[in-house]
Amino acid sequence: MPRVKAVIFDAFGTVLKIHKGCHPYRQVLKIGRLRGRGVRADDAKIIMTNPLSLEAAAAHFGIALLPSELERIQAELDAELQRIEPYEDALLAIESLKSAGIQVAICSNLALPYREPIERLFPGLDGYGYSFEVGALKPDTRIYRYVIDQLGVAAHETWMIGDSQQCDRDGPANFGIKGHYLNRCHARTKGFADLRSFVRVVLNSNKP
């Protein structure tokens, strides 16, 4: 088995948890619907594959928000971002990997404002790959390639883990990364129950 030189983590549900999400972009789209703009199948994809603030998203979709509406939703979003916390096992896992000389990155499907808590809570990682920045959503191979290029390692030297079987296990595997599923709910599905056990397997795999 090739030596593991890098590990990529998904963000939300894997290393970060959101308390009482306010779904700000959904609120913008709901206002648009109330004013006659129909919901479109690619709305969410557009939001997560373009660097759009709330105001920019409303303008992109042709939704005329009242200043009071924008101010309220933005305030709710700002409060939500401040409530985001890291999982304790994520902090320990990343510290253990970096101490072992293994590079660490985060790769996530998300909208522009959600980058801030990731880089505030996990600063100085070796790579960050965001769908809004790449213009592609996991499991599109372009987003994995974007992160691999930052790390300067080969796909087969990299492992990834996250709470989506499609995006964090199967998608990376199709690209050549060894993907793993994180199942924090302990349901009867193959995968890791926490990041401590995952990191033990990573480190043990690198032993002579």
Protein backbone atom coordinates (compact mmCIF):
# COMPACT_ATOMS: atom_id res chain seq x y z
CA MET A 1 0.00 0.00 0.00
CA PRO A 2 1.43 3.46 -0.92
CA ARG A 3 2.47 5.67 1.97
CA VAL A 4 -0.22 8.24 2.90
CA LYS A 5 1.23 11.69 2.29
CA ALA A 6 -1.98 13.73 2.58
CA VAL A 7 -5.46 13.55 4.06
CA ILE A 8 -8.43 15.57 2.82
CA PHE A 9 -11.39 16.22 5.09
CA ASP A 10 -14.89 17.30 4.19
CA ALA A 11 -15.99 20.37 6.17
CA PHE A 12 -19.52 20.44 7.62
CA GLY A 13 -20.60 17.28 9.36
CA THR A 14 -16.99 16.08 9.36
CA VAL A 15 -14.72 18.64 11.02
CA LEU A 16 -17.30 21.37 11.71
CA LYS A 17 -20.82 21.45 13.13
CA ILE A 18 -23.51 24.06 12.54
CA HIS A 19 -25.96 24.89 15.31
CA LYS A 20 -29.45 25.93 14.16
CA GLY A 21 -28.65 26.81 10.55
CA CYS A 22 -30.68 29.72 9.20
CA HIS A 23 -30.47 28.69 5.50
CA PRO A 24 -29.87 32.27 4.30
CA TYR A 25 -29.81 31.59 0.56
CA ARG A 26 -32.99 29.54 0.87
CA GLN A 27 -34.58 32.57 2.52
CA VAL A 28 -33.54 34.75 -0.43
CA LEU A 29 -35.02 32.26 -2.89
CA LYS A 30 -38.23 32.05 -0.84
CA ILE A 31 -38.64 35.82 -1.05
CA GLY A 32 -38.11 35.56 -4.78
CA ARG A 33 -40.79 32.88 -5.01
CA LEU A 34 -43.23 35.07 -3.11
CA ARG A 35 -42.54 37.82 -5.66
CA GLY A 36 -43.15 35.62 -8.66
CA ARG A 37 -39.80 34.02 -9.43
CA GLY A 38 -40.19 30.28 -9.78
CA VAL A 39 -37.76 27.88 -8.14
CA ARG A 40 -35.31 26.38 -10.62
CA ALA A 41 -33.53 23.05 -10.39
CA ASP A 42 -30.05 24.55 -10.61
CA ASP A 43 -30.50 27.33 -8.04
CA ALA A 44 -28.51 25.56 -5.32
CA LYS A 45 -25.79 24.56 -7.76
CA ILE A 46 -25.39 28.15 -8.93
CA ILE A 47 -25.06 29.36 -5.34
CA MET A 48 -22.40 26.78 -4.51
CA THR A 49 -20.37 27.05 -7.70
CA ASN A 50 -20.09 30.83 -7.83
CA PRO A 51 -18.60 33.31 -5.31
CA LEU A 52 -21.92 34.96 -4.47
CA SER A 53 -22.67 36.94 -1.34
CA LEU A 54 -26.33 37.15 -0.30
CA GLU A 55 -26.72 40.47 -2.07
CA ALA A 56 -24.94 39.19 -5.19
CA ALA A 57 -27.07 36.05 -5.24
CA ALA A 58 -30.26 38.07 -5.05
CA ALA A 59 -29.05 40.24 -7.94
CA HIS A 60 -28.02 37.18 -9.97
CA PHE A 61 -31.48 35.66 -9.60
CA GLY A 62 -33.26 38.96 -10.23
CA ILE A 63 -34.72 39.08 -6.71
CA ALA A 64 -35.28 42.60 -5.39
CA LEU A 65 -34.66 42.40 -1.66
CA LEU A 66 -35.72 45.24 0.57
CA PRO A 67 -32.79 46.71 2.54
CA SER A 68 -34.45 45.54 5.75
CA GLU A 69 -34.77 41.99 4.39
CA LEU A 70 -31.13 41.84 3.35
CA GLU A 71 -30.02 43.28 6.68
CA ARG A 72 -32.05 40.72 8.65
CA ILE A 73 -30.88 37.69 6.67
CA GLN A 74 -27.27 38.89 6.71
CA ALA A 75 -27.41 39.34 10.50
CA GLU A 76 -28.80 35.82 10.90
CA LEU A 77 -26.02 34.46 8.66
CA ASP A 78 -23.32 36.33 10.59
CA ALA A 79 -24.64 34.93 13.86
CA GLU A 80 -24.75 31.42 12.39
CA LEU A 81 -21.14 31.64 11.21
CA GLN A 82 -20.02 32.64 14.70
CA ARG A 83 -21.83 29.65 16.24
CA ILE A 84 -20.04 27.11 14.04
CA GLU A 85 -17.72 24.91 16.09
CA PRO A 86 -15.10 22.29 15.32
CA TYR A 87 -15.62 18.71 16.39
CA GLU A 88 -13.17 17.88 19.16
CA ASP A 89 -11.99 14.76 17.36
CA ALA A 90 -11.28 16.85 14.26
CA LEU A 91 -8.88 19.10 16.14
CA LEU A 92 -7.09 16.08 17.57
CA ALA A 93 -7.04 14.26 14.23
CA ILE A 94 -5.54 17.14 12.32
CA GLU A 95 -2.94 17.76 15.02
CA SER A 96 -1.94 14.07 14.97
CA LEU A 97 -1.63 13.99 11.18
CA LYS A 98 0.43 17.14 10.98
CA SER A 99 2.70 15.91 13.78
CA ALA A 100 3.30 12.79 11.68
CA GLY A 101 4.31 14.90 8.68
CA ILE A 102 1.09 14.24 6.75
CA GLN A 103 -0.38 17.15 4.82
CA VAL A 104 -3.97 18.14 5.60
CA ALA A 105 -6.61 19.82 3.43
CA ILE A 106 -10.33 20.56 3.50
CA CYS A 107 -12.59 20.09 0.48
CA SER A 108 -16.22 21.14 0.63
CA ASN A 109 -19.34 21.99 -1.32
CA LEU A 110 -20.40 25.33 0.09
CA ALA A 111 -21.43 28.92 -0.53
CA LEU A 112 -18.97 31.80 -0.23
CA PRO A 113 -19.67 32.99 3.36
CA TYR A 114 -18.99 29.55 4.84
CA ARG A 115 -15.31 29.75 3.95
CA GLU A 116 -14.68 32.18 6.82
CA PRO A 117 -15.34 29.81 9.76
CA ILE A 118 -13.33 27.03 8.10
CA GLU A 119 -10.19 29.12 7.79
CA ARG A 120 -10.77 30.81 11.15
CA LEU A 121 -11.10 27.51 13.01
CA PHE A 122 -8.62 25.54 10.89
CA PRO A 123 -6.02 28.08 9.77
CA GLY A 124 -2.80 27.26 8.00
CA LEU A 125 -3.76 23.95 6.44
CA ASP A 126 -1.92 22.74 3.36
CA GLY A 127 -4.90 23.09 1.04
CA TYR A 128 -8.48 24.28 0.78
CA GLY A 129 -10.90 23.41 -2.01
CA TYR A 130 -14.30 25.06 -2.16
CA SER A 131 -16.97 24.42 -4.77
CA PHE A 132 -17.76 28.13 -5.15
CA GLU A 133 -14.10 28.76 -5.95
CA VAL A 134 -13.52 25.79 -8.25
CA GLY A 135 -16.86 26.10 -10.05
CA ALA A 136 -17.61 22.42 -9.54
CA LEU A 137 -19.36 20.34 -6.91
CA LYS A 138 -18.14 17.09 -5.41
CA PRO A 139 -18.14 14.40 -6.77
CA ASP A 140 -16.91 16.22 -9.91
CA THR A 141 -13.24 15.25 -10.26
CA ARG A 142 -12.23 18.87 -10.85
CA ILE A 143 -12.57 19.74 -7.18
CA TYR A 144 -10.40 16.83 -6.04
CA ARG A 145 -7.79 17.73 -8.64
CA TYR A 146 -7.80 21.32 -7.40
CA VAL A 147 -6.91 20.19 -3.88
CA ILE A 148 -4.34 17.62 -5.02
CA ASP A 149 -2.58 20.28 -7.07
CA GLN A 150 -2.29 22.50 -3.98
CA LEU A 151 -0.85 19.64 -1.96
CA GLY A 152 1.60 18.55 -4.63
CA VAL A 153 0.96 14.85 -4.04
CA ALA A 154 -0.42 12.06 -6.19
CA ALA A 155 -4.00 10.91 -5.82
CA HIS A 156 -2.94 7.41 -4.78
CA GLU A 157 -0.90 8.92 -1.93
CA THR A 158 -3.98 10.67 -0.54
CA TRP A 159 -6.90 9.62 1.64
CA MET A 160 -10.17 11.48 2.12
CA ILE A 161 -13.00 11.24 4.62
CA GLY A 162 -16.40 12.85 4.99
CA ASP A 163 -20.05 12.27 5.81
CA SER A 164 -21.20 11.73 2.22
CA GLN A 165 -20.68 8.33 0.64
CA GLN A 166 -21.05 9.79 -2.83
CA CYS A 167 -18.89 12.88 -2.38
CA ASP A 168 -16.27 11.82 0.14
CA ARG A 169 -15.86 8.08 -0.45
CA ASP A 170 -16.94 7.12 -3.96
CA GLY A 171 -16.12 10.38 -5.77
CA PRO A 172 -12.52 10.49 -4.51
CA ALA A 173 -12.12 6.77 -5.23
CA ASN A 174 -13.10 7.35 -8.86
CA PHE A 175 -10.31 9.93 -9.05
CA GLY A 176 -7.73 7.64 -7.46
CA ILE A 177 -7.93 8.93 -3.88
CA LYS A 178 -8.72 6.37 -1.17
CA GLY A 179 -12.11 7.62 0.04
CA HIS A 180 -13.71 6.86 3.40
CA TYR A 181 -17.17 7.40 4.88
CA LEU A 182 -17.65 9.05 8.29
CA ASN A 183 -20.87 7.89 9.93
CA ARG A 184 -21.21 9.80 13.19
CA CYS A 185 -24.74 8.44 13.69
CA HIS A 186 -23.44 4.89 14.20
CA ALA A 187 -26.04 3.49 11.81
CA ARG A 188 -25.51 0.06 10.29
CA THR A 189 -23.39 1.33 7.44
CA LYS A 190 -19.74 0.61 6.78
CA GLY A 191 -17.52 3.48 7.71
CA PHE A 192 -15.77 5.22 10.58
CA ALA A 193 -17.75 6.34 13.63
CA ASP A 194 -15.27 9.10 14.49
CA LEU A 195 -12.08 10.72 13.28
CA ARG A 196 -9.90 9.27 16.04
CA SER A 197 -10.34 5.76 14.67
CA PHE A 198 -9.78 7.01 11.13
CA VAL A 199 -6.48 8.65 12.02
CA ARG A 200 -5.28 5.52 13.82
CA VAL A 201 -5.78 3.59 10.60
CA VAL A 202 -3.95 6.27 8.59
CA LEU A 203 -0.96 6.28 10.92
CA ASN A 204 -0.85 2.49 11.20
CA SER A 205 -0.87 2.20 7.41
CA ASN A 206 2.35 4.21 7.29
CA LYS A 207 4.23 2.02 9.75
CA PRO A 208 7.08 -0.02 8.22
